[in-house]
Amino acid sequence: MSEEDKELEILKAKRLLEMQKNISLQQKQEELKATKQDQKTSTPNPREILIKQLGYRGLEVLQNAESQFPEETKLVVDKLADLIQSGEVTETIDGGKLLTLFRSIGIRVRVATIINIEQDGKLVSWSDKLKESTSIKESSENQAE
C-alpha cells in the first residue's frame, strides 16, 4: 500500500466519523423535539381542564363569558383549573354554579333565557303565549266595538 492510499483511508475514516457524529446529533435533536411535543400535548391547557369538569349548560355559560369578558374569563378559567388540578374542586360545575361564580366576582355574564310552558301537551314559549293571548284580547275588543 502506498502512502497516498494510507492518507486516503485516514481521510475516509475521519469523514465517516464526522458523518456518524452528525447523524447522532440529528437524532438527539429529533428526540428532543418529540419529547417537547409530547409534553405540550400531555399537559392540557386550563380551559380543557375546566371543560372536563363542566356539567349541564356549563360550556354555554363559559362561551358567553369568553365572548363578553375575554380577559376576565381567562383569569377565572386559570384559577378554576388550578383548583381542579389541586383537588380542591372535585364536583361537576353546571351552568348555574358557573354563572353564580361569575356574578359573585362582579362579572355580569348575559345568558339567553327562554321560558317554556306546557299548553295542550306541547311546549310553547312564554313570549308566544303572551302574544297569542294579546292578539285574542285585541280581536275580542275589536269585535265588541
C-alpha atoms as a PDB file:
ATOM      1  CA  MET A   1       0.000   0.000   0.000  1.00  0.00           C
ATOM      2  CA  SER A   2       1.323   3.351  -0.937  1.00  0.00           C
ATOM      3  CA  GLU A   3       1.440   6.381   1.228  1.00  0.00           C
ATOM      4  CA  GLU A   4      -1.353   8.070  -0.775  1.00  0.00           C
ATOM      5  CA  ASP A   5      -3.636   5.084  -0.151  1.00  0.00           C
ATOM      6  CA  LYS A   6      -2.971   5.316   3.579  1.00  0.00           C
ATOM      7  CA  GLU A   7      -3.769   9.037   3.598  1.00  0.00           C
ATOM      8  CA  LEU A   8      -6.914   8.395   1.620  1.00  0.00           C
ATOM      9  CA  GLU A   9      -8.008   5.697   4.082  1.00  0.00           C
ATOM     10  CA  ILE A  10      -7.338   8.045   7.026  1.00  0.00           C
ATOM     11  CA  LEU A  11      -9.386  10.817   5.340  1.00  0.00           C
ATOM     12  CA  LYS A  12     -12.225   8.361   4.679  1.00  0.00           C
ATOM     13  CA  ALA A  13     -12.184   7.245   8.308  1.00  0.00           C
ATOM     14  CA  LYS A  14     -12.253  10.852   9.537  1.00  0.00           C
ATOM     15  CA  ARG A  15     -15.116  11.687   7.173  1.00  0.00           C
ATOM     16  CA  LEU A  16     -17.050   8.591   8.273  1.00  0.00           C
ATOM     17  CA  LEU A  17     -16.566   9.501  11.944  1.00  0.00           C
ATOM     18  CA  GLU A  18     -17.720  13.057  11.233  1.00  0.00           C
ATOM     19  CA  MET A  19     -20.828  11.808   9.441  1.00  0.00           C
ATOM     20  CA  GLN A  20     -21.663   9.482  12.336  1.00  0.00           C
ATOM     21  CA  LYS A  21     -21.410  12.385  14.778  1.00  0.00           C
ATOM     22  CA  ASN A  22     -23.727  14.490  12.596  1.00  0.00           C
ATOM     23  CA  ILE A  23     -26.265  11.676  12.385  1.00  0.00           C
ATOM     24  CA  SER A  24     -26.245  11.092  16.140  1.00  0.00           C
ATOM     25  CA  LEU A  25     -26.601  14.849  16.737  1.00  0.00           C
ATOM     26  CA  GLN A  26     -29.611  14.989  14.401  1.00  0.00           C
ATOM     27  CA  GLN A  27     -31.204  12.028  16.158  1.00  0.00           C
ATOM     28  CA  LYS A  28     -30.774  13.693  19.544  1.00  0.00           C
ATOM     29  CA  GLN A  29     -32.375  16.903  18.240  1.00  0.00           C
ATOM     30  CA  GLU A  30     -35.324  14.965  16.820  1.00  0.00           C
ATOM     31  CA  GLU A  31     -35.778  13.152  20.139  1.00  0.00           C
ATOM     32  CA  LEU A  32     -35.786  16.482  21.993  1.00  0.00           C
ATOM     33  CA  LYS A  33     -38.405  17.864  19.608  1.00  0.00           C
ATOM     34  CA  ALA A  34     -40.549  14.770  20.066  1.00  0.00           C
ATOM     35  CA  THR A  35     -40.366  14.950  23.867  1.00  0.00           C
ATOM     36  CA  LYS A  36     -41.256  18.666  23.800  1.00  0.00           C
ATOM     37  CA  GLN A  37     -44.281  17.945  21.623  1.00  0.00           C
ATOM     38  CA  ASP A  38     -45.315  15.107  23.939  1.00  0.00           C
ATOM     39  CA  GLN A  39     -45.074  17.452  26.916  1.00  0.00           C
ATOM     40  CA  LYS A  40     -47.217  20.034  25.130  1.00  0.00           C
ATOM     41  CA  THR A  41     -49.888  17.512  24.245  1.00  0.00           C
ATOM     42  CA  SER A  42     -49.801  15.759  27.607  1.00  0.00           C
ATOM     43  CA  THR A  43     -50.357  18.941  29.639  1.00  0.00           C
ATOM     44  CA  PRO A  44     -53.831  20.199  28.761  1.00  0.00           C
ATOM     45  CA  ASN A  45     -54.459  23.908  28.862  1.00  0.00           C
ATOM     46  CA  PRO A  46     -56.556  25.354  31.716  1.00  0.00           C
ATOM     47  CA  ARG A  47     -59.663  25.704  29.538  1.00  0.00           C
ATOM     48  CA  GLU A  48     -59.600  21.990  28.652  1.00  0.00           C
ATOM     49  CA  ILE A  49     -59.233  21.076  32.326  1.00  0.00           C
ATOM     50  CA  LEU A  50     -62.260  23.214  33.198  1.00  0.00           C
ATOM     51  CA  ILE A  51     -64.358  21.911  30.296  1.00  0.00           C
ATOM     52  CA  LYS A  52     -63.885  18.337  31.531  1.00  0.00           C
ATOM     53  CA  GLN A  53     -65.383  19.414  34.874  1.00  0.00           C
ATOM     54  CA  LEU A  54     -68.368  21.302  33.429  1.00  0.00           C
ATOM     55  CA  GLY A  55     -71.891  19.934  33.638  1.00  0.00           C
ATOM     56  CA  TYR A  56     -75.281  20.898  32.203  1.00  0.00           C
ATOM     57  CA  ARG A  57     -75.080  24.221  30.320  1.00  0.00           C
ATOM     58  CA  GLY A  58     -71.670  24.938  31.817  1.00  0.00           C
ATOM     59  CA  LEU A  59     -69.995  25.197  28.422  1.00  0.00           C
ATOM     60  CA  GLU A  60     -72.711  27.584  27.231  1.00  0.00           C
ATOM     61  CA  VAL A  61     -72.095  29.925  30.178  1.00  0.00           C
ATOM     62  CA  LEU A  62     -68.315  29.674  29.675  1.00  0.00           C
ATOM     63  CA  GLN A  63     -68.602  30.552  25.978  1.00  0.00           C
ATOM     64  CA  ASN A  64     -70.857  33.523  26.749  1.00  0.00           C
ATOM     65  CA  ALA A  65     -68.404  34.745  29.378  1.00  0.00           C
ATOM     66  CA  GLU A  66     -65.457  34.360  26.998  1.00  0.00           C
ATOM     67  CA  SER A  67     -67.192  36.330  24.271  1.00  0.00           C
ATOM     68  CA  GLN A  68     -68.357  39.099  26.623  1.00  0.00           C
ATOM     69  CA  PHE A  69     -65.378  39.356  29.013  1.00  0.00           C
ATOM     70  CA  PRO A  70     -62.343  37.608  27.445  1.00  0.00           C
ATOM     71  CA  GLU A  71     -59.558  38.813  29.772  1.00  0.00           C
ATOM     72  CA  GLU A  72     -61.511  38.405  32.993  1.00  0.00           C
ATOM     73  CA  THR A  73     -62.775  34.980  31.973  1.00  0.00           C
ATOM     74  CA  LYS A  74     -59.234  33.798  31.206  1.00  0.00           C
ATOM     75  CA  LEU A  75     -58.191  34.670  34.757  1.00  0.00           C
ATOM     76  CA  VAL A  76     -61.187  32.832  36.217  1.00  0.00           C
ATOM     77  CA  VAL A  77     -60.562  29.793  33.993  1.00  0.00           C
ATOM     78  CA  ASP A  78     -56.876  29.676  35.016  1.00  0.00           C
ATOM     79  CA  LYS A  79     -57.759  29.822  38.709  1.00  0.00           C
ATOM     80  CA  LEU A  80     -60.516  27.230  38.415  1.00  0.00           C
ATOM     81  CA  ALA A  81     -58.169  24.896  36.522  1.00  0.00           C
ATOM     82  CA  ASP A  82     -55.590  25.271  39.321  1.00  0.00           C
ATOM     83  CA  LEU A  83     -58.243  24.443  41.923  1.00  0.00           C
ATOM     84  CA  ILE A  84     -59.411  21.417  39.927  1.00  0.00           C
ATOM     85  CA  GLN A  85     -55.851  20.118  39.491  1.00  0.00           C
ATOM     86  CA  SER A  86     -55.053  20.596  43.170  1.00  0.00           C
ATOM     87  CA  GLY A  87     -58.195  18.656  44.113  1.00  0.00           C
ATOM     88  CA  GLU A  88     -59.923  21.493  45.940  1.00  0.00           C
ATOM     89  CA  VAL A  89     -62.774  21.448  43.402  1.00  0.00           C
ATOM     90  CA  THR A  90     -63.997  17.938  42.685  1.00  0.00           C
ATOM     91  CA  GLU A  91     -67.680  18.437  41.916  1.00  0.00           C
ATOM     92  CA  THR A  92     -69.222  18.981  38.499  1.00  0.00           C
ATOM     93  CA  ILE A  93     -69.736  22.664  37.735  1.00  0.00           C
ATOM     94  CA  ASP A  94     -73.033  23.215  35.965  1.00  0.00           C
ATOM     95  CA  GLY A  95     -74.079  26.398  34.190  1.00  0.00           C
ATOM     96  CA  GLY A  96     -75.903  27.809  37.199  1.00  0.00           C
ATOM     97  CA  LYS A  97     -72.924  27.412  39.510  1.00  0.00           C
ATOM     98  CA  LEU A  98     -70.560  28.927  36.953  1.00  0.00           C
ATOM     99  CA  LEU A  99     -72.918  31.843  36.345  1.00  0.00           C
ATOM    100  CA  THR A 100     -73.228  32.402  40.104  1.00  0.00           C
ATOM    101  CA  LEU A 101     -69.435  32.380  40.406  1.00  0.00           C
ATOM    102  CA  PHE A 102     -69.017  34.960  37.657  1.00  0.00           C
ATOM    103  CA  ARG A 103     -71.706  37.192  39.145  1.00  0.00           C
ATOM    104  CA  SER A 104     -70.278  36.900  42.665  1.00  0.00           C
ATOM    105  CA  ILE A 105     -66.962  38.327  41.454  1.00  0.00           C
ATOM    106  CA  GLY A 106     -68.680  41.123  39.545  1.00  0.00           C
ATOM    107  CA  ILE A 107     -68.767  39.731  36.018  1.00  0.00           C
ATOM    108  CA  ARG A 108     -72.328  40.132  34.743  1.00  0.00           C
ATOM    109  CA  VAL A 109     -72.494  37.426  32.079  1.00  0.00           C
ATOM    110  CA  ARG A 110     -75.657  37.651  29.993  1.00  0.00           C
ATOM    111  CA  VAL A 111     -77.255  34.353  29.034  1.00  0.00           C
ATOM    112  CA  ALA A 112     -80.184  33.927  26.662  1.00  0.00           C
ATOM    113  CA  THR A 113     -83.139  32.680  28.699  1.00  0.00           C
ATOM    114  CA  ILE A 114     -86.284  31.129  27.271  1.00  0.00           C
ATOM    115  CA  ILE A 115     -89.284  30.230  29.418  1.00  0.00           C
ATOM    116  CA  ASN A 116     -91.455  27.438  28.052  1.00  0.00           C
ATOM    117  CA  ILE A 117     -94.871  26.464  29.336  1.00  0.00           C
ATOM    118  CA  GLU A 118     -96.987  23.452  28.508  1.00  0.00           C
ATOM    119  CA  GLN A 119    -100.167  24.111  26.568  1.00  0.00           C
ATOM    120  CA  ASP A 120    -102.276  21.287  25.140  1.00  0.00           C
ATOM    121  CA  GLY A 121     -99.423  18.816  25.632  1.00  0.00           C
ATOM    122  CA  LYS A 122     -96.897  20.967  23.752  1.00  0.00           C
ATOM    123  CA  LEU A 123     -94.146  23.256  24.993  1.00  0.00           C
ATOM    124  CA  VAL A 124     -94.824  26.834  23.945  1.00  0.00           C
ATOM    125  CA  SER A 125     -92.517  29.749  24.681  1.00  0.00           C
ATOM    126  CA  TRP A 126     -93.823  32.262  27.193  1.00  0.00           C
ATOM    127  CA  SER A 127     -93.439  35.125  24.703  1.00  0.00           C
ATOM    128  CA  ASP A 128     -95.541  33.254  22.098  1.00  0.00           C
ATOM    129  CA  LYS A 129     -98.190  32.580  24.734  1.00  0.00           C
ATOM    130  CA  LEU A 130     -98.301  36.271  25.663  1.00  0.00           C
ATOM    131  CA  LYS A 131     -98.535  37.303  22.003  1.00  0.00           C
ATOM    132  CA  GLU A 132    -101.334  34.809  21.470  1.00  0.00           C
ATOM    133  CA  SER A 133    -103.326  35.994  24.478  1.00  0.00           C
ATOM    134  CA  THR A 134    -102.774  39.635  23.495  1.00  0.00           C
ATOM    135  CA  SER A 135    -103.982  39.031  19.942  1.00  0.00           C
ATOM    136  CA  ILE A 136    -107.064  37.168  21.220  1.00  0.00           C
ATOM    137  CA  LYS A 137    -107.826  40.045  23.591  1.00  0.00           C
ATOM    138  CA  GLU A 138    -107.436  42.640  20.810  1.00  0.00           C
ATOM    139  CA  SER A 139    -109.632  40.686  18.398  1.00  0.00           C
ATOM    140  CA  SER A 140    -112.385  40.324  21.021  1.00  0.00           C
ATOM    141  CA  GLU A 141    -112.216  44.058  21.743  1.00  0.00           C
ATOM    142  CA  ASN A 142    -112.439  44.859  18.031  1.00  0.00           C
ATOM    143  CA  GLN A 143    -115.483  42.587  17.671  1.00  0.00           C
ATOM    144  CA  ALA A 144    -117.170  44.259  20.651  1.00  0.00           C
ATOM    145  CA  GLU A 145    -116.954  47.659  19.003  1.00  0.00           C
END
